[in-house]
Structure formats: structure tokens, C-alpha cells
Amino acid sequence: MAAYETSRAAPFGAISIFRSVQFVNDFVASFATWNDSRVTRNALGKLSDRELDDIGLCRGDVEMIGR
């Protein structure tokens, strides 16, 4: 009966490249989240107090919504 080795070491530098790509991916995702929050705060900031009241918010809630 033959036995096969199914696990082998990653090629030289593969882990470093993977971590670099993962770092860039995490940065892009966090930037996208920050930008979405910024756009939301700007849109809510342009609404009047009456419009904010219609959707159940007050002027002080705008900053908390974006976080």
C-alpha cells in the first residue's frame, strides 16, 4: 500500500505575498467604509431640521449615524 504526502510547504515568499495582498484588501475595505460614512453624513447634513424630524432624527444624530 502506498502513502501519499498531501500537505507540503508553501513556496518561498507565498505567505509574504498573501499578507501583503490581504493588507491592501483590508485597507481598501476600510477606505470604502469610511467613504460610505462620509457620504451619509454629508447627505444627512444637507437635510433641514424638519426633514430630519420626518425620518426620526435630530441634528445631533447625524454624526452618530455615520459611525
PDB file of N, CA and C in Angstrom:
ATOM      1  N   MET A   1       0.843  -1.157   0.000  1.00  0.00           N
ATOM      2  CA  MET A   1       0.000   0.000   0.000  1.00  0.00           C
ATOM      3  C   MET A   1       0.900   1.236   0.000  1.00  0.00           C
ATOM      4  N   ALA A   2       0.560   2.202  -0.816  1.00  0.00           N
ATOM      5  CA  ALA A   2       1.370   3.414  -0.949  1.00  0.00           C
ATOM      6  C   ALA A   2       0.752   4.532  -0.113  1.00  0.00           C
ATOM      7  N   ALA A   3       1.579   5.357   0.423  1.00  0.00           N
ATOM      8  CA  ALA A   3       1.130   6.515   1.191  1.00  0.00           C
ATOM      9  C   ALA A   3       1.551   7.783   0.453  1.00  0.00           C
ATOM     10  N   TYR A   4       0.652   8.711   0.345  1.00  0.00           N
ATOM     11  CA  TYR A   4       0.944   9.960  -0.344  1.00  0.00           C
ATOM     12  C   TYR A   4       0.962  11.103   0.656  1.00  0.00           C
ATOM     13  N   GLU A   5       1.923  11.956   0.512  1.00  0.00           N
ATOM     14  CA  GLU A   5       2.025  13.151   1.360  1.00  0.00           C
ATOM     15  C   GLU A   5       1.142  14.231   0.727  1.00  0.00           C
ATOM     16  N   THR A   6       0.076  14.608   1.415  1.00  0.00           N
ATOM     17  CA  THR A   6      -0.873  15.576   0.842  1.00  0.00           C
ATOM     18  C   THR A   6      -0.611  16.998   1.290  1.00  0.00           C
ATOM     19  N   SER A   7       0.194  17.192   2.299  1.00  0.00           N
ATOM     20  CA  SER A   7       0.485  18.553   2.726  1.00  0.00           C
ATOM     21  C   SER A   7       1.936  18.879   2.396  1.00  0.00           C
ATOM     22  N   ARG A   8       2.147  20.059   1.896  1.00  0.00           N
ATOM     23  CA  ARG A   8       3.505  20.471   1.574  1.00  0.00           C
ATOM     24  C   ARG A   8       3.675  21.935   1.931  1.00  0.00           C
ATOM     25  N   ALA A   9       4.863  22.352   2.101  1.00  0.00           N
ATOM     26  CA  ALA A   9       5.162  23.731   2.493  1.00  0.00           C
ATOM     27  C   ALA A   9       4.817  24.681   1.350  1.00  0.00           C
ATOM     28  N   ALA A  10       4.426  25.870   1.729  1.00  0.00           N
ATOM     29  CA  ALA A  10       4.142  26.896   0.732  1.00  0.00           C
ATOM     30  C   ALA A  10       5.441  27.325   0.068  1.00  0.00           C
ATOM     31  N   PRO A  11       5.371  27.730  -1.197  1.00  0.00           N
ATOM     32  CA  PRO A  11       6.580  28.192  -1.888  1.00  0.00           C
ATOM     33  C   PRO A  11       7.179  29.413  -1.190  1.00  0.00           C
ATOM     34  N   PHE A  12       8.456  29.616  -1.382  1.00  0.00           N
ATOM     35  CA  PHE A  12       9.157  30.723  -0.753  1.00  0.00           C
ATOM     36  C   PHE A  12       8.505  32.057  -1.132  1.00  0.00           C
ATOM     37  N   GLY A  13       8.136  32.831  -0.142  1.00  0.00           N
ATOM     38  CA  GLY A  13       7.554  34.150  -0.367  1.00  0.00           C
ATOM     39  C   GLY A  13       6.049  34.160  -0.518  1.00  0.00           C
ATOM     40  N   ALA A  14       5.412  33.019  -0.588  1.00  0.00           N
ATOM     41  CA  ALA A  14       3.965  32.983  -0.803  1.00  0.00           C
ATOM     42  C   ALA A  14       3.212  33.595   0.379  1.00  0.00           C
ATOM     43  N   ILE A  15       3.663  33.330   1.581  1.00  0.00           N
ATOM     44  CA  ILE A  15       2.980  33.857   2.760  1.00  0.00           C
ATOM     45  C   ILE A  15       3.133  35.367   2.813  1.00  0.00           C
ATOM     46  N   SER A  16       4.308  35.867   2.489  1.00  0.00           N
ATOM     47  CA  SER A  16       4.538  37.316   2.489  1.00  0.00           C
ATOM     48  C   SER A  16       3.658  38.000   1.446  1.00  0.00           C
ATOM     49  N   ILE A  17       3.564  37.408   0.288  1.00  0.00           N
ATOM     50  CA  ILE A  17       2.721  37.984  -0.767  1.00  0.00           C
ATOM     51  C   ILE A  17       1.260  37.944  -0.339  1.00  0.00           C
ATOM     52  N   PHE A  18       0.831  36.841   0.248  1.00  0.00           N
ATOM     53  CA  PHE A  18      -0.543  36.729   0.712  1.00  0.00           C
ATOM     54  C   PHE A  18      -0.855  37.800   1.750  1.00  0.00           C
ATOM     55  N   ARG A  19       0.049  37.994   2.706  1.00  0.00           N
ATOM     56  CA  ARG A  19      -0.176  39.015   3.746  1.00  0.00           C
ATOM     57  C   ARG A  19      -0.180  40.414   3.157  1.00  0.00           C
ATOM     58  N   SER A  20       0.644  40.675   2.165  1.00  0.00           N
ATOM     59  CA  SER A  20       0.656  41.981   1.509  1.00  0.00           C
ATOM     60  C   SER A  20      -0.668  42.243   0.794  1.00  0.00           C
ATOM     61  N   VAL A  21      -1.135  41.248   0.072  1.00  0.00           N
ATOM     62  CA  VAL A  21      -2.410  41.387  -0.637  1.00  0.00           C
ATOM     63  C   VAL A  21      -3.550  41.551   0.361  1.00  0.00           C
ATOM     64  N   GLN A  22      -3.498  40.807   1.446  1.00  0.00           N
ATOM     65  CA  GLN A  22      -4.530  40.920   2.474  1.00  0.00           C
ATOM     66  C   GLN A  22      -4.511  42.304   3.111  1.00  0.00           C
ATOM     67  N   PHE A  23      -3.335  42.877   3.348  1.00  0.00           N
ATOM     68  CA  PHE A  23      -3.218  44.220   3.913  1.00  0.00           C
ATOM     69  C   PHE A  23      -3.838  45.247   2.984  1.00  0.00           C
ATOM     70  N   VAL A  24      -3.526  45.154   1.694  1.00  0.00           N
ATOM     71  CA  VAL A  24      -4.094  46.090   0.714  1.00  0.00           C
ATOM     72  C   VAL A  24      -5.606  45.931   0.655  1.00  0.00           C
ATOM     73  N   ASN A  25      -6.086  44.701   0.673  1.00  0.00           N
ATOM     74  CA  ASN A  25      -7.522  44.446   0.636  1.00  0.00           C
ATOM     75  C   ASN A  25      -8.215  45.036   1.866  1.00  0.00           C
ATOM     76  N   ASP A  26      -7.631  44.859   3.045  1.00  0.00           N
ATOM     77  CA  ASP A  26      -8.200  45.428   4.268  1.00  0.00           C
ATOM     78  C   ASP A  26      -8.214  46.946   4.216  1.00  0.00           C
ATOM     79  N   PHE A  27      -7.146  47.540   3.671  1.00  0.00           N
ATOM     80  CA  PHE A  27      -7.091  48.993   3.549  1.00  0.00           C
ATOM     81  C   PHE A  27      -8.181  49.505   2.620  1.00  0.00           C
ATOM     82  N   VAL A  28      -8.359  48.860   1.492  1.00  0.00           N
ATOM     83  CA  VAL A  28      -9.395  49.275   0.531  1.00  0.00           C
ATOM     84  C   VAL A  28     -10.788  49.135   1.157  1.00  0.00           C
ATOM     85  N   ALA A  29     -11.017  48.061   1.895  1.00  0.00           N
ATOM     86  CA  ALA A  29     -12.317  47.862   2.536  1.00  0.00           C
ATOM     87  C   ALA A  29     -12.574  48.926   3.602  1.00  0.00           C
ATOM     88  N   SER A  30     -11.566  49.263   4.392  1.00  0.00           N
ATOM     89  CA  SER A  30     -11.756  50.289   5.420  1.00  0.00           C
ATOM     90  C   SER A  30     -11.941  51.662   4.793  1.00  0.00           C
ATOM     91  N   PHE A  31     -11.252  51.923   3.687  1.00  0.00           N
ATOM     92  CA  PHE A  31     -11.453  53.191   2.985  1.00  0.00           C
ATOM     93  C   PHE A  31     -12.860  53.284   2.417  1.00  0.00           C
ATOM     94  N   ALA A  32     -13.369  52.206   1.869  1.00  0.00           N
ATOM     95  CA  ALA A  32     -14.732  52.198   1.320  1.00  0.00           C
ATOM     96  C   ALA A  32     -15.758  52.430   2.430  1.00  0.00           C
ATOM     97  N   THR A  33     -15.549  51.834   3.584  1.00  0.00           N
ATOM     98  CA  THR A  33     -16.450  52.036   4.724  1.00  0.00           C
ATOM     99  C   THR A  33     -16.419  53.481   5.176  1.00  0.00           C
ATOM    100  N   TRP A  34     -15.220  54.049   5.281  1.00  0.00           N
ATOM    101  CA  TRP A  34     -15.088  55.453   5.678  1.00  0.00           C
ATOM    102  C   TRP A  34     -15.783  56.367   4.671  1.00  0.00           C
ATOM    103  N   ASN A  35     -15.612  56.098   3.388  1.00  0.00           N
ATOM    104  CA  ASN A  35     -16.221  56.933   2.360  1.00  0.00           C
ATOM    105  C   ASN A  35     -17.743  56.833   2.401  1.00  0.00           C
ATOM    106  N   ASP A  36     -18.284  55.646   2.621  1.00  0.00           N
ATOM    107  CA  ASP A  36     -19.737  55.493   2.744  1.00  0.00           C
ATOM    108  C   ASP A  36     -20.270  56.298   3.922  1.00  0.00           C
ATOM    109  N   SER A  37     -19.561  56.274   5.031  1.00  0.00           N
ATOM    110  CA  SER A  37     -19.971  57.050   6.206  1.00  0.00           C
ATOM    111  C   SER A  37     -19.925  58.543   5.909  1.00  0.00           C
ATOM    112  N   ARG A  38     -18.897  58.974   5.211  1.00  0.00           N
ATOM    113  CA  ARG A  38     -18.752  60.390   4.863  1.00  0.00           C
ATOM    114  C   ARG A  38     -19.890  60.847   3.961  1.00  0.00           C
ATOM    115  N   VAL A  39     -20.224  60.034   2.969  1.00  0.00           N
ATOM    116  CA  VAL A  39     -21.310  60.378   2.048  1.00  0.00           C
ATOM    117  C   VAL A  39     -22.637  60.449   2.803  1.00  0.00           C
ATOM    118  N   THR A  40     -22.859  59.513   3.712  1.00  0.00           N
ATOM    119  CA  THR A  40     -24.098  59.506   4.504  1.00  0.00           C
ATOM    120  C   THR A  40     -24.192  60.745   5.378  1.00  0.00           C
ATOM    121  N   ARG A  41     -23.098  61.089   6.059  1.00  0.00           N
ATOM    122  CA  ARG A  41     -23.103  62.295   6.907  1.00  0.00           C
ATOM    123  C   ARG A  41     -23.362  63.551   6.087  1.00  0.00           C
ATOM    124  N   ASN A  42     -22.742  63.636   4.913  1.00  0.00           N
ATOM    125  CA  ASN A  42     -22.952  64.811   4.060  1.00  0.00           C
ATOM    126  C   ASN A  42     -24.399  64.901   3.583  1.00  0.00           C
ATOM    127  N   ALA A  43     -24.973  63.771   3.196  1.00  0.00           N
ATOM    128  CA  ALA A  43     -26.358  63.775   2.715  1.00  0.00           C
ATOM    129  C   ALA A  43     -27.322  64.156   3.833  1.00  0.00           C
ATOM    130  N   LEU A  44     -27.111  63.588   5.023  1.00  0.00           N
ATOM    131  CA  LEU A  44     -27.986  63.933   6.145  1.00  0.00           C
ATOM    132  C   LEU A  44     -27.759  65.360   6.606  1.00  0.00           C
ATOM    133  N   GLY A  45     -26.539  65.846   6.489  1.00  0.00           N
ATOM    134  CA  GLY A  45     -26.241  67.224   6.889  1.00  0.00           C
ATOM    135  C   GLY A  45     -26.916  68.250   6.005  1.00  0.00           C
ATOM    136  N   LYS A  46     -27.250  67.897   4.779  1.00  0.00           N
ATOM    137  CA  LYS A  46     -27.910  68.817   3.860  1.00  0.00           C
ATOM    138  C   LYS A  46     -29.418  68.902   4.086  1.00  0.00           C
ATOM    139  N   LEU A  47     -29.964  67.956   4.871  1.00  0.00           N
ATOM    140  CA  LEU A  47     -31.400  67.975   5.131  1.00  0.00           C
ATOM    141  C   LEU A  47     -31.744  69.044   6.154  1.00  0.00           C
ATOM    142  N   SER A  48     -32.968  69.577   6.041  1.00  0.00           N
ATOM    143  CA  SER A  48     -33.431  70.557   7.027  1.00  0.00           C
ATOM    144  C   SER A  48     -33.833  69.828   8.306  1.00  0.00           C
ATOM    145  N   ASP A  49     -34.020  70.613   9.371  1.00  0.00           N
ATOM    146  CA  ASP A  49     -34.434  70.021  10.640  1.00  0.00           C
ATOM    147  C   ASP A  49     -35.789  69.329  10.515  1.00  0.00           C
ATOM    148  N   ARG A  50     -36.672  69.884   9.731  1.00  0.00           N
ATOM    149  CA  ARG A  50     -37.988  69.271   9.538  1.00  0.00           C
ATOM    150  C   ARG A  50     -37.874  67.937   8.793  1.00  0.00           C
ATOM    151  N   GLU A  51     -37.017  67.890   7.775  1.00  0.00           N
ATOM    152  CA  GLU A  51     -36.820  66.643   7.032  1.00  0.00           C
ATOM    153  C   GLU A  51     -36.179  65.574   7.919  1.00  0.00           C
ATOM    154  N   LEU A  52     -35.248  65.992   8.759  1.00  0.00           N
ATOM    155  CA  LEU A  52     -34.648  65.039   9.693  1.00  0.00           C
ATOM    156  C   LEU A  52     -35.685  64.525  10.680  1.00  0.00           C
ATOM    157  N   ASP A  53     -36.566  65.420  11.129  1.00  0.00           N
ATOM    158  CA  ASP A  53     -37.626  65.011  12.064  1.00  0.00           C
ATOM    159  C   ASP A  53     -38.582  64.022  11.406  1.00  0.00           C
ATOM    160  N   ASP A  54     -38.822  64.183  10.113  1.00  0.00           N
ATOM    161  CA  ASP A  54     -39.701  63.259   9.392  1.00  0.00           C
ATOM    162  C   ASP A  54     -39.152  61.827   9.389  1.00  0.00           C
ATOM    163  N   ILE A  55     -37.844  61.685   9.378  1.00  0.00           N
ATOM    164  CA  ILE A  55     -37.260  60.344   9.382  1.00  0.00           C
ATOM    165  C   ILE A  55     -36.831  59.916  10.784  1.00  0.00           C
ATOM    166  N   GLY A  56     -37.195  60.717  11.780  1.00  0.00           N
ATOM    167  CA  GLY A  56     -36.969  60.324  13.169  1.00  0.00           C
ATOM    168  C   GLY A  56     -35.588  60.639  13.704  1.00  0.00           C
ATOM    169  N   LEU A  57     -34.933  61.637  13.119  1.00  0.00           N
ATOM    170  CA  LEU A  57     -33.601  62.019  13.577  1.00  0.00           C
ATOM    171  C   LEU A  57     -33.576  63.476  13.986  1.00  0.00           C
ATOM    172  N   CYS A  58     -32.578  63.833  14.752  1.00  0.00           N
ATOM    173  CA  CYS A  58     -32.335  65.241  15.048  1.00  0.00           C
ATOM    174  C   CYS A  58     -30.929  65.579  14.558  1.00  0.00           C
ATOM    175  N   ARG A  59     -30.595  66.856  14.573  1.00  0.00           N
ATOM    176  CA  ARG A  59     -29.318  67.309  14.035  1.00  0.00           C
ATOM    177  C   ARG A  59     -28.135  66.622  14.748  1.00  0.00           C
ATOM    178  N   GLY A  60     -28.266  66.366  16.035  1.00  0.00           N
ATOM    179  CA  GLY A  60     -27.187  65.733  16.785  1.00  0.00           C
ATOM    180  C   GLY A  60     -26.975  64.266  16.435  1.00  0.00           C
ATOM    181  N   ASP A  61     -27.989  63.627  15.859  1.00  0.00           N
ATOM    182  CA  ASP A  61     -27.875  62.200  15.495  1.00  0.00           C
ATOM    183  C   ASP A  61     -27.076  61.981  14.213  1.00  0.00           C
ATOM    184  N   VAL A  62     -26.904  63.026  13.408  1.00  0.00           N
ATOM    185  CA  VAL A  62     -26.258  62.872  12.098  1.00  0.00           C
ATOM    186  C   VAL A  62     -24.840  62.344  12.255  1.00  0.00           C
ATOM    187  N   GLU A  63     -24.096  62.858  13.209  1.00  0.00           N
ATOM    188  CA  GLU A  63     -22.720  62.405  13.398  1.00  0.00           C
ATOM    189  C   GLU A  63     -22.663  60.963  13.866  1.00  0.00           C
ATOM    190  N   MET A  64     -23.614  60.562  14.701  1.00  0.00           N
ATOM    191  CA  MET A  64     -23.621  59.192  15.206  1.00  0.00           C
ATOM    192  C   MET A  64     -24.041  58.183  14.127  1.00  0.00           C
ATOM    193  N   ILE A  65     -24.889  58.592  13.204  1.00  0.00           N
ATOM    194  CA  ILE A  65     -25.358  57.687  12.147  1.00  0.00           C
ATOM    195  C   ILE A  65     -24.183  57.301  11.242  1.00  0.00           C
ATOM    196  N   GLY A  66     -23.306  58.233  10.966  1.00  0.00           N
ATOM    197  CA  GLY A  66     -22.197  57.973  10.059  1.00  0.00           C
ATOM    198  C   GLY A  66     -21.131  57.071  10.626  1.00  0.00           C
ATOM    199  N   ARG A  67     -21.155  56.820  11.912  1.00  0.00           N
ATOM    200  CA  ARG A  67     -20.098  55.999  12.528  1.00  0.00           C
ATOM    201  C   ARG A  67     -20.423  54.543  12.478  1.00  0.00           C
TER     202      ARG A  67
END
